[in-house]
Amino acid sequence: MQDEIYREIAGAMERGESVVLATVARTRGSTPRKTGAKMVVRRDGTFFGTIGGGCGEAEVWQEAMDAFGDGRARIVTVDLTEPTDGEDKICGGIMDVFVERLGA
């Protein structure tokens, strides 16, 4: 999957498009993905790859969309320890995700 992520980024750069790369930088406790997991977000809101899905990924996606506007890199802390609705939640950890815009 990592090679496909880098091909996606390279393709965007060749087309002169910017993307936002979200990378899980650190995890504590039980998380859906581990350090190094990546997701590429395109300007139109579509994405490639995953950092775990669900509400945490949606939070990072929103920060990625904000990064298109301001160009600032940021660390997003996704706290999966809070109770949520439903009984299918198996995670209970925290992920720090580095979000950075690449390209023009």
PDB file of N, CA and C in Angstrom:
ATOM      1  N   MET A   1       0.815  -1.200   0.000  1.00  0.00           N
ATOM      2  CA  MET A   1       0.000   0.000   0.000  1.00  0.00           C
ATOM      3  C   MET A   1       0.863   1.269   0.000  1.00  0.00           C
ATOM      4  N   GLN A   2       2.016   1.224   0.687  1.00  0.00           N
ATOM      5  CA  GLN A   2       2.864   2.417   0.743  1.00  0.00           C
ATOM      6  C   GLN A   2       3.314   2.837  -0.658  1.00  0.00           C
ATOM      7  N   ASP A   3       3.685   1.856  -1.505  1.00  0.00           N
ATOM      8  CA  ASP A   3       4.106   2.194  -2.860  1.00  0.00           C
ATOM      9  C   ASP A   3       2.970   2.870  -3.627  1.00  0.00           C
ATOM     10  N   GLU A   4       1.753   2.390  -3.435  1.00  0.00           N
ATOM     11  CA  GLU A   4       0.594   2.981  -4.112  1.00  0.00           C
ATOM     12  C   GLU A   4       0.345   4.411  -3.632  1.00  0.00           C
ATOM     13  N   ILE A   5       0.555   4.659  -2.349  1.00  0.00           N
ATOM     14  CA  ILE A   5       0.415   6.020  -1.806  1.00  0.00           C
ATOM     15  C   ILE A   5       1.398   6.951  -2.511  1.00  0.00           C
ATOM     16  N   TYR A   6       2.649   6.504  -2.609  1.00  0.00           N
ATOM     17  CA  TYR A   6       3.669   7.355  -3.236  1.00  0.00           C
ATOM     18  C   TYR A   6       3.407   7.543  -4.727  1.00  0.00           C
ATOM     19  N   ARG A   7       2.870   6.519  -5.401  1.00  0.00           N
ATOM     20  CA  ARG A   7       2.496   6.682  -6.805  1.00  0.00           C
ATOM     21  C   ARG A   7       1.366   7.703  -6.946  1.00  0.00           C
ATOM     22  N   GLU A   8       0.420   7.677  -6.034  1.00  0.00           N
ATOM     23  CA  GLU A   8      -0.681   8.645  -6.046  1.00  0.00           C
ATOM     24  C   GLU A   8      -0.151  10.072  -5.889  1.00  0.00           C
ATOM     25  N   ILE A   9       0.775  10.263  -4.965  1.00  0.00           N
ATOM     26  CA  ILE A   9       1.380  11.589  -4.751  1.00  0.00           C
ATOM     27  C   ILE A   9       2.158  12.012  -5.991  1.00  0.00           C
ATOM     28  N   ALA A  10       2.973  11.105  -6.543  1.00  0.00           N
ATOM     29  CA  ALA A  10       3.772  11.432  -7.728  1.00  0.00           C
ATOM     30  C   ALA A  10       2.878  11.808  -8.900  1.00  0.00           C
ATOM     31  N   GLY A  11       1.779  11.084  -9.087  1.00  0.00           N
ATOM     32  CA  GLY A  11       0.849  11.400 -10.171  1.00  0.00           C
ATOM     33  C   GLY A  11       0.254  12.786 -10.016  1.00  0.00           C
ATOM     34  N   ALA A  12      -0.117  13.135  -8.799  1.00  0.00           N
ATOM     35  CA  ALA A  12      -0.669  14.472  -8.546  1.00  0.00           C
ATOM     36  C   ALA A  12       0.377  15.546  -8.838  1.00  0.00           C
ATOM     37  N   MET A  13       1.615  15.310  -8.421  1.00  0.00           N
ATOM     38  CA  MET A  13       2.675  16.297  -8.645  1.00  0.00           C
ATOM     39  C   MET A  13       2.925  16.478 -10.150  1.00  0.00           C
ATOM     40  N   GLU A  14       2.906  15.363 -10.895  1.00  0.00           N
ATOM     41  CA  GLU A  14       3.105  15.443 -12.347  1.00  0.00           C
ATOM     42  C   GLU A  14       1.997  16.243 -13.019  1.00  0.00           C
ATOM     43  N   ARG A  15       0.785  16.181 -12.478  1.00  0.00           N
ATOM     44  CA  ARG A  15      -0.358  16.936 -13.025  1.00  0.00           C
ATOM     45  C   ARG A  15      -0.419  18.363 -12.491  1.00  0.00           C
ATOM     46  N   GLY A  16       0.507  18.723 -11.605  1.00  0.00           N
ATOM     47  CA  GLY A  16       0.519  20.061 -11.030  1.00  0.00           C
ATOM     48  C   GLY A  16      -0.555  20.267  -9.967  1.00  0.00           C
ATOM     49  N   GLU A  17      -1.036  19.184  -9.386  1.00  0.00           N
ATOM     50  CA  GLU A  17      -2.087  19.260  -8.370  1.00  0.00           C
ATOM     51  C   GLU A  17      -1.479  19.127  -6.979  1.00  0.00           C
ATOM     52  N   SER A  18      -2.067  19.796  -6.009  1.00  0.00           N
ATOM     53  CA  SER A  18      -1.643  19.603  -4.633  1.00  0.00           C
ATOM     54  C   SER A  18      -2.511  18.532  -3.995  1.00  0.00           C
ATOM     55  N   VAL A  19      -1.951  17.868  -3.009  1.00  0.00           N
ATOM     56  CA  VAL A  19      -2.668  16.885  -2.198  1.00  0.00           C
ATOM     57  C   VAL A  19      -2.256  17.118  -0.753  1.00  0.00           C
ATOM     58  N   VAL A  20      -2.991  16.521   0.148  1.00  0.00           N
ATOM     59  CA  VAL A  20      -2.597  16.542   1.551  1.00  0.00           C
ATOM     60  C   VAL A  20      -2.296  15.114   1.964  1.00  0.00           C
ATOM     61  N   LEU A  21      -1.151  14.937   2.597  1.00  0.00           N
ATOM     62  CA  LEU A  21      -0.744  13.635   3.094  1.00  0.00           C
ATOM     63  C   LEU A  21      -0.946  13.606   4.602  1.00  0.00           C
ATOM     64  N   ALA A  22      -1.686  12.620   5.071  1.00  0.00           N
ATOM     65  CA  ALA A  22      -1.895  12.400   6.507  1.00  0.00           C
ATOM     66  C   ALA A  22      -1.164  11.117   6.882  1.00  0.00           C
ATOM     67  N   THR A  23      -0.277  11.212   7.869  1.00  0.00           N
ATOM     68  CA  THR A  23       0.526  10.068   8.292  1.00  0.00           C
ATOM     69  C   THR A  23       0.374   9.870   9.793  1.00  0.00           C
ATOM     70  N   VAL A  24       0.050   8.654  10.205  1.00  0.00           N
ATOM     71  CA  VAL A  24      -0.009   8.357  11.632  1.00  0.00           C
ATOM     72  C   VAL A  24       1.419   8.436  12.163  1.00  0.00           C
ATOM     73  N   ALA A  25       1.659   9.408  13.048  1.00  0.00           N
ATOM     74  CA  ALA A  25       3.005   9.651  13.559  1.00  0.00           C
ATOM     75  C   ALA A  25       3.274   8.920  14.872  1.00  0.00           C
ATOM     76  N   ARG A  26       2.214   8.722  15.671  1.00  0.00           N
ATOM     77  CA  ARG A  26       2.393   8.056  16.962  1.00  0.00           C
ATOM     78  C   ARG A  26       1.061   7.486  17.411  1.00  0.00           C
ATOM     79  N   THR A  27       1.112   6.338  18.055  1.00  0.00           N
ATOM     80  CA  THR A  27      -0.104   5.750  18.613  1.00  0.00           C
ATOM     81  C   THR A  27       0.145   5.371  20.065  1.00  0.00           C
ATOM     82  N   ARG A  28      -0.946   5.407  20.834  1.00  0.00           N
ATOM     83  CA  ARG A  28      -0.913   4.946  22.212  1.00  0.00           C
ATOM     84  C   ARG A  28      -2.188   4.147  22.444  1.00  0.00           C
ATOM     85  N   GLY A  29      -2.056   2.958  22.969  1.00  0.00           N
ATOM     86  CA  GLY A  29      -3.224   2.121  23.199  1.00  0.00           C
ATOM     87  C   GLY A  29      -3.676   1.420  21.929  1.00  0.00           C
ATOM     88  N   SER A  30      -4.923   1.002  21.922  1.00  0.00           N
ATOM     89  CA  SER A  30      -5.492   0.256  20.808  1.00  0.00           C
ATOM     90  C   SER A  30      -6.018   1.214  19.744  1.00  0.00           C
ATOM     91  N   THR A  31      -5.420   1.178  18.560  1.00  0.00           N
ATOM     92  CA  THR A  31      -5.828   2.053  17.456  1.00  0.00           C
ATOM     93  C   THR A  31      -6.044   1.205  16.204  1.00  0.00           C
ATOM     94  N   PRO A  32      -6.879   1.697  15.272  1.00  0.00           N
ATOM     95  CA  PRO A  32      -7.165   0.905  14.077  1.00  0.00           C
ATOM     96  C   PRO A  32      -5.975   0.728  13.149  1.00  0.00           C
ATOM     97  N   ARG A  33      -5.081   1.702  13.120  1.00  0.00           N
ATOM     98  CA  ARG A  33      -3.870   1.615  12.290  1.00  0.00           C
ATOM     99  C   ARG A  33      -2.683   2.013  13.156  1.00  0.00           C
ATOM    100  N   LYS A  34      -1.518   1.630  12.722  1.00  0.00           N
ATOM    101  CA  LYS A  34      -0.302   1.891  13.496  1.00  0.00           C
ATOM    102  C   LYS A  34       0.539   2.978  12.838  1.00  0.00           C
ATOM    103  N   THR A  35       1.599   3.359  13.517  1.00  0.00           N
ATOM    104  CA  THR A  35       2.512   4.390  13.034  1.00  0.00           C
ATOM    105  C   THR A  35       2.937   4.082  11.599  1.00  0.00           C
ATOM    106  N   GLY A  36       2.891   5.113  10.763  1.00  0.00           N
ATOM    107  CA  GLY A  36       3.290   4.978   9.363  1.00  0.00           C
ATOM    108  C   GLY A  36       2.129   4.844   8.396  1.00  0.00           C
ATOM    109  N   ALA A  37       0.930   4.532   8.900  1.00  0.00           N
ATOM    110  CA  ALA A  37      -0.237   4.434   8.012  1.00  0.00           C
ATOM    111  C   ALA A  37      -0.473   5.793   7.359  1.00  0.00           C
ATOM    112  N   LYS A  38      -0.873   5.774   6.078  1.00  0.00           N
ATOM    113  CA  LYS A  38      -0.995   7.021   5.322  1.00  0.00           C
ATOM    114  C   LYS A  38      -2.319   7.108   4.576  1.00  0.00           C
ATOM    115  N   MET A  39      -2.738   8.345   4.364  1.00  0.00           N
ATOM    116  CA  MET A  39      -3.918   8.637   3.566  1.00  0.00           C
ATOM    117  C   MET A  39      -3.627   9.912   2.772  1.00  0.00           C
ATOM    118  N   VAL A  40      -3.940   9.900   1.476  1.00  0.00           N
ATOM    119  CA  VAL A  40      -3.786  11.071   0.613  1.00  0.00           C
ATOM    120  C   VAL A  40      -5.175  11.644   0.368  1.00  0.00           C
ATOM    121  N   VAL A  41      -5.327  12.937   0.622  1.00  0.00           N
ATOM    122  CA  VAL A  41      -6.601  13.617   0.389  1.00  0.00           C
ATOM    123  C   VAL A  41      -6.425  14.559  -0.794  1.00  0.00           C
ATOM    124  N   ARG A  42      -7.345  14.457  -1.743  1.00  0.00           N
ATOM    125  CA  ARG A  42      -7.315  15.328  -2.928  1.00  0.00           C
ATOM    126  C   ARG A  42      -8.156  16.570  -2.666  1.00  0.00           C
ATOM    127  N   ARG A  43      -7.905  17.615  -3.437  1.00  0.00           N
ATOM    128  CA  ARG A  43      -8.613  18.885  -3.261  1.00  0.00           C
ATOM    129  C   ARG A  43     -10.136  18.727  -3.370  1.00  0.00           C
ATOM    130  N   ASP A  44     -10.601  17.776  -4.185  1.00  0.00           N
ATOM    131  CA  ASP A  44     -12.053  17.592  -4.340  1.00  0.00           C
ATOM    132  C   ASP A  44     -12.672  16.807  -3.185  1.00  0.00           C
ATOM    133  N   GLY A  45     -11.846  16.429  -2.203  1.00  0.00           N
ATOM    134  CA  GLY A  45     -12.349  15.734  -1.024  1.00  0.00           C
ATOM    135  C   GLY A  45     -12.243  14.222  -1.089  1.00  0.00           C
ATOM    136  N   THR A  46     -11.968  13.687  -2.274  1.00  0.00           N
ATOM    137  CA  THR A  46     -11.775  12.246  -2.363  1.00  0.00           C
ATOM    138  C   THR A  46     -10.420  11.904  -1.744  1.00  0.00           C
ATOM    139  N   PHE A  47     -10.253  10.651  -1.375  1.00  0.00           N
ATOM    140  CA  PHE A  47      -8.998  10.267  -0.743  1.00  0.00           C
ATOM    141  C   PHE A  47      -8.586   8.871  -1.150  1.00  0.00           C
ATOM    142  N   PHE A  48      -7.328   8.562  -0.878  1.00  0.00           N
ATOM    143  CA  PHE A  48      -6.733   7.270  -1.201  1.00  0.00           C
ATOM    144  C   PHE A  48      -5.978   6.802   0.025  1.00  0.00           C
ATOM    145  N   GLY A  49      -6.149   5.539   0.400  1.00  0.00           N
ATOM    146  CA  GLY A  49      -5.515   5.013   1.600  1.00  0.00           C
ATOM    147  C   GLY A  49      -6.416   5.233   2.806  1.00  0.00           C
ATOM    148  N   THR A  50      -5.916   4.837   3.970  1.00  0.00           N
ATOM    149  CA  THR A  50      -6.709   4.995   5.185  1.00  0.00           C
ATOM    150  C   THR A  50      -5.805   5.100   6.402  1.00  0.00           C
ATOM    151  N   ILE A  51      -6.288   5.827   7.377  1.00  0.00           N
ATOM    152  CA  ILE A  51      -5.610   5.859   8.671  1.00  0.00           C
ATOM    153  C   ILE A  51      -6.492   5.223   9.733  1.00  0.00           C
ATOM    154  N   GLY A  52      -7.561   4.569   9.308  1.00  0.00           N
ATOM    155  CA  GLY A  52      -8.352   3.818  10.261  1.00  0.00           C
ATOM    156  C   GLY A  52      -9.854   3.906  10.109  1.00  0.00           C
ATOM    157  N   GLY A  53     -10.352   4.824   9.329  1.00  0.00           N
ATOM    158  CA  GLY A  53     -11.795   4.927   9.116  1.00  0.00           C
ATOM    159  C   GLY A  53     -12.520   5.602  10.264  1.00  0.00           C
ATOM    160  N   GLY A  54     -13.822   5.674  10.114  1.00  0.00           N
ATOM    161  CA  GLY A  54     -14.690   6.185  11.168  1.00  0.00           C
ATOM    162  C   GLY A  54     -14.524   7.657  11.477  1.00  0.00           C
ATOM    163  N   CYS A  55     -14.934   8.014  12.690  1.00  0.00           N
ATOM    164  CA  CYS A  55     -14.936   9.415  13.123  1.00  0.00           C
ATOM    165  C   CYS A  55     -13.533  10.013  13.158  1.00  0.00           C
ATOM    166  N   GLY A  56     -12.546   9.207  13.564  1.00  0.00           N
ATOM    167  CA  GLY A  56     -11.179   9.715  13.625  1.00  0.00           C
ATOM    168  C   GLY A  56     -10.656  10.092  12.260  1.00  0.00           C
ATOM    169  N   GLU A  57     -10.933   9.256  11.268  1.00  0.00           N
ATOM    170  CA  GLU A  57     -10.501   9.569   9.913  1.00  0.00           C
ATOM    171  C   GLU A  57     -11.245  10.790   9.391  1.00  0.00           C
ATOM    172  N   ALA A  58     -12.508  10.926   9.734  1.00  0.00           N
ATOM    173  CA  ALA A  58     -13.281  12.102   9.305  1.00  0.00           C
ATOM    174  C   ALA A  58     -12.700  13.379   9.899  1.00  0.00           C
ATOM    175  N   GLU A  59     -12.251  13.314  11.137  1.00  0.00           N
ATOM    176  CA  GLU A  59     -11.629  14.480  11.785  1.00  0.00           C
ATOM    177  C   GLU A  59     -10.350  14.873  11.060  1.00  0.00           C
ATOM    178  N   VAL A  60      -9.533  13.888  10.709  1.00  0.00           N
ATOM    179  CA  VAL A  60      -8.288  14.159   9.983  1.00  0.00           C
ATOM    180  C   VAL A  60      -8.601  14.674   8.583  1.00  0.00           C
ATOM    181  N   TRP A  61      -9.616  14.106   7.921  1.00  0.00           N
ATOM    182  CA  TRP A  61     -10.026  14.571   6.594  1.00  0.00           C
ATOM    183  C   TRP A  61     -10.382  16.060   6.647  1.00  0.00           C
ATOM    184  N   GLN A  62     -11.121  16.479   7.670  1.00  0.00           N
ATOM    185  CA  GLN A  62     -11.493  17.895   7.789  1.00  0.00           C
ATOM    186  C   GLN A  62     -10.259  18.769   7.953  1.00  0.00           C
ATOM    187  N   GLU A  63      -9.309  18.330   8.753  1.00  0.00           N
ATOM    188  CA  GLU A  63      -8.061  19.087   8.913  1.00  0.00           C
ATOM    189  C   GLU A  63      -7.286  19.134   7.596  1.00  0.00           C
ATOM    190  N   ALA A  64      -7.339  18.045   6.834  1.00  0.00           N
ATOM    191  CA  ALA A  64      -6.677  18.021   5.524  1.00  0.00           C
ATOM    192  C   ALA A  64      -7.304  19.054   4.598  1.00  0.00           C
ATOM    193  N   MET A  65      -8.620  19.139   4.603  1.00  0.00           N
ATOM    194  CA  MET A  65      -9.298  20.130   3.765  1.00  0.00           C
ATOM    195  C   MET A  65      -8.915  21.540   4.203  1.00  0.00           C
ATOM    196  N   ASP A  66      -8.793  21.766   5.506  1.00  0.00           N
ATOM    197  CA  ASP A  66      -8.350  23.072   6.015  1.00  0.00           C
ATOM    198  C   ASP A  66      -6.926  23.383   5.561  1.00  0.00           C
ATOM    199  N   ALA A  67      -6.079  22.350   5.482  1.00  0.00           N
ATOM    200  CA  ALA A  67      -4.687  22.536   5.067  1.00  0.00           C
ATOM    201  C   ALA A  67      -4.594  22.998   3.616  1.00  0.00           C
ATOM    202  N   PHE A  68      -5.564  22.623   2.783  1.00  0.00           N
ATOM    203  CA  PHE A  68      -5.564  23.152   1.414  1.00  0.00           C
ATOM    204  C   PHE A  68      -5.690  24.669   1.449  1.00  0.00           C
ATOM    205  N   GLY A  69      -6.474  25.179   2.379  1.00  0.00           N
ATOM    206  CA  GLY A  69      -6.710  26.618   2.456  1.00  0.00           C
ATOM    207  C   GLY A  69      -5.552  27.393   3.034  1.00  0.00           C
ATOM    208  N   ASP A  70      -4.967  26.899   4.129  1.00  0.00           N
ATOM    209  CA  ASP A  70      -3.935  27.706   4.792  1.00  0.00           C
ATOM    210  C   ASP A  70      -2.512  27.204   4.555  1.00  0.00           C
ATOM    211  N   GLY A  71      -2.358  26.014   3.996  1.00  0.00           N
ATOM    212  CA  GLY A  71      -1.034  25.497   3.682  1.00  0.00           C
ATOM    213  C   GLY A  71      -0.199  25.087   4.880  1.00  0.00           C
ATOM    214  N   ARG A  72      -0.753  25.184   6.072  1.00  0.00           N
ATOM    215  CA  ARG A  72       0.013  24.871   7.280  1.00  0.00           C
ATOM    216  C   ARG A  72      -0.001  23.374   7.576  1.00  0.00           C
ATOM    217  N   ALA A  73       1.172  22.851   7.927  1.00  0.00           N
ATOM    218  CA  ALA A  73       1.252  21.481   8.428  1.00  0.00           C
ATOM    219  C   ALA A  73       0.748  21.492   9.868  1.00  0.00           C
ATOM    220  N   ARG A  74       0.227  20.369  10.302  1.00  0.00           N
ATOM    221  CA  ARG A  74      -0.309  20.297  11.664  1.00  0.00           C
ATOM    222  C   ARG A  74      -0.283  18.863  12.168  1.00  0.00           C
ATOM    223  N   ILE A  75      -0.349  18.741  13.475  1.00  0.00           N
ATOM    224  CA  ILE A  75      -0.522  17.440  14.130  1.00  0.00           C
ATOM    225  C   ILE A  75      -1.956  17.402  14.643  1.00  0.00           C
ATOM    226  N   VAL A  76      -2.677  16.362  14.280  1.00  0.00           N
ATOM    227  CA  VAL A  76      -4.054  16.175  14.725  1.00  0.00           C
ATOM    228  C   VAL A  76      -4.051  15.002  15.704  1.00  0.00           C
ATOM    229  N   THR A  77      -4.533  15.244  16.905  1.00  0.00           N
ATOM    230  CA  THR A  77      -4.637  14.176  17.894  1.00  0.00           C
ATOM    231  C   THR A  77      -6.049  13.607  17.834  1.00  0.00           C
ATOM    232  N   VAL A  78      -6.120  12.326  17.520  1.00  0.00           N
ATOM    233  CA  VAL A  78      -7.401  11.623  17.414  1.00  0.00           C
ATOM    234  C   VAL A  78      -7.543  10.770  18.671  1.00  0.00           C
ATOM    235  N   ASP A  79      -8.480  11.150  19.513  1.00  0.00           N
ATOM    236  CA  ASP A  79      -8.695  10.463  20.783  1.00  0.00           C
ATOM    237  C   ASP A  79      -9.838   9.467  20.627  1.00  0.00           C
ATOM    238  N   LEU A  80      -9.497   8.201  20.645  1.00  0.00           N
ATOM    239  CA  LEU A  80     -10.489   7.140  20.483  1.00  0.00           C
ATOM    240  C   LEU A  80     -10.871   6.519  21.822  1.00  0.00           C
ATOM    241  N   THR A  81     -10.538   7.211  22.919  1.00  0.00           N
ATOM    242  CA  THR A  81     -10.837   6.673  24.247  1.00  0.00           C
ATOM    243  C   THR A  81     -12.218   7.088  24.738  1.00  0.00           C
ATOM    244  N   GLU A  82     -12.786   8.111  24.115  1.00  0.00           N
ATOM    245  CA  GLU A  82     -14.108   8.577  24.531  1.00  0.00           C
ATOM    246  C   GLU A  82     -15.179   7.596  24.092  1.00  0.00           C
ATOM    247  N   PRO A  83     -16.172   7.337  24.923  1.00  0.00           N
ATOM    248  CA  PRO A  83     -17.254   6.435  24.504  1.00  0.00           C
ATOM    249  C   PRO A  83     -18.031   7.017  23.329  1.00  0.00           C
ATOM    250  N   THR A  84     -18.424   6.136  22.408  1.00  0.00           N
ATOM    251  CA  THR A  84     -19.228   6.548  21.267  1.00  0.00           C
ATOM    252  C   THR A  84     -20.443   5.647  21.178  1.00  0.00           C
ATOM    253  N   ASP A  85     -21.411   6.053  20.401  1.00  0.00           N
ATOM    254  CA  ASP A  85     -22.599   5.232  20.226  1.00  0.00           C
ATOM    255  C   ASP A  85     -22.242   3.939  19.506  1.00  0.00           C
ATOM    256  N   GLY A  86     -22.930   2.889  19.828  1.00  0.00           N
ATOM    257  CA  GLY A  86     -22.714   1.604  19.171  1.00  0.00           C
ATOM    258  C   GLY A  86     -21.828   0.698  19.993  1.00  0.00           C
ATOM    259  N   GLU A  87     -21.928  -0.577  19.707  1.00  0.00           N
ATOM    260  CA  GLU A  87     -21.163  -1.561  20.463  1.00  0.00           C
ATOM    261  C   GLU A  87     -20.033  -2.170  19.660  1.00  0.00           C
ATOM    262  N   ASP A  88     -19.831  -1.707  18.427  1.00  0.00           N
ATOM    263  CA  ASP A  88     -18.815  -2.317  17.570  1.00  0.00           C
ATOM    264  C   ASP A  88     -17.479  -1.587  17.630  1.00  0.00           C
ATOM    265  N   LYS A  89     -17.293  -0.714  18.574  1.00  0.00           N
ATOM    266  CA  LYS A  89     -16.061   0.046  18.679  1.00  0.00           C
ATOM    267  C   LYS A  89     -15.033  -0.771  19.453  1.00  0.00           C
ATOM    268  N   ILE A  90     -13.909  -1.101  18.807  1.00  0.00           N
ATOM    269  CA  ILE A  90     -12.913  -1.938  19.457  1.00  0.00           C
ATOM    270  C   ILE A  90     -11.662  -1.150  19.830  1.00  0.00           C
ATOM    271  N   CYS A  91     -11.563   0.095  19.406  1.00  0.00           N
ATOM    272  CA  CYS A  91     -10.372   0.885  19.673  1.00  0.00           C
ATOM    273  C   CYS A  91     -10.560   1.675  20.958  1.00  0.00           C
ATOM    274  N   GLY A  92      -9.458   2.019  21.567  1.00  0.00           N
ATOM    275  CA  GLY A  92      -9.533   2.821  22.774  1.00  0.00           C
ATOM    276  C   GLY A  92      -8.245   3.569  22.993  1.00  0.00           C
ATOM    277  N   GLY A  93      -7.551   3.879  21.908  1.00  0.00           N
ATOM    278  CA  GLY A  93      -6.263   4.547  22.024  1.00  0.00           C
ATOM    279  C   GLY A  93      -6.285   5.953  21.470  1.00  0.00           C
ATOM    280  N   ILE A  94      -5.103   6.470  21.273  1.00  0.00           N
ATOM    281  CA  ILE A  94      -4.918   7.831  20.768  1.00  0.00           C
ATOM    282  C   ILE A  94      -3.909   7.772  19.622  1.00  0.00           C
ATOM    283  N   MET A  95      -4.219   8.496  18.550  1.00  0.00           N
ATOM    284  CA  MET A  95      -3.308   8.595  17.408  1.00  0.00           C
ATOM    285  C   MET A  95      -2.946  10.059  17.193  1.00  0.00           C
ATOM    286  N   ASP A  96      -1.673  10.328  16.971  1.00  0.00           N
ATOM    287  CA  ASP A  96      -1.223  11.642  16.501  1.00  0.00           C
ATOM    288  C   ASP A  96      -0.958  11.498  15.019  1.00  0.00           C
ATOM    289  N   VAL A  97      -1.614  12.352  14.225  1.00  0.00           N
ATOM    290  CA  VAL A  97      -1.530  12.259  12.767  1.00  0.00           C
ATOM    291  C   VAL A  97      -0.920  13.549  12.237  1.00  0.00           C
ATOM    292  N   PHE A  98       0.173  13.416  11.472  1.00  0.00           N
ATOM    293  CA  PHE A  98       0.821  14.570  10.847  1.00  0.00           C
ATOM    294  C   PHE A  98       0.135  14.824   9.512  1.00  0.00           C
ATOM    295  N   VAL A  99      -0.336  16.037   9.318  1.00  0.00           N
ATOM    296  CA  VAL A  99      -1.088  16.422   8.119  1.00  0.00           C
ATOM    297  C   VAL A  99      -0.301  17.522   7.416  1.00  0.00           C
ATOM    298  N   GLU A 100       0.032  17.305   6.121  1.00  0.00           N
ATOM    299  CA  GLU A 100       0.814  18.310   5.394  1.00  0.00           C
ATOM    300  C   GLU A 100       0.366  18.391   3.937  1.00  0.00           C
ATOM    301  N   ARG A 101       0.288  19.622   3.437  1.00  0.00           N
ATOM    302  CA  ARG A 101      -0.033  19.831   2.020  1.00  0.00           C
ATOM    303  C   ARG A 101       1.245  19.675   1.209  1.00  0.00           C
ATOM    304  N   LEU A 102       1.119  18.959   0.098  1.00  0.00           N
ATOM    305  CA  LEU A 102       2.242  18.763  -0.812  1.00  0.00           C
ATOM    306  C   LEU A 102       1.868  19.360  -2.164  1.00  0.00           C
ATOM    307  N   GLY A 103       2.803  20.031  -2.795  1.00  0.00           N
ATOM    308  CA  GLY A 103       2.555  20.595  -4.118  1.00  0.00           C
ATOM    309  C   GLY A 103       2.099  22.039  -4.054  1.00  0.00           C
ATOM    310  N   ALA A 104       1.745  22.540  -5.254  1.00  0.00           N
ATOM    311  CA  ALA A 104       1.379  23.959  -5.397  1.00  0.00           C
ATOM    312  C   ALA A 104       0.185  24.345  -4.579  1.00  0.00           C
TER     313      ALA A 104
END
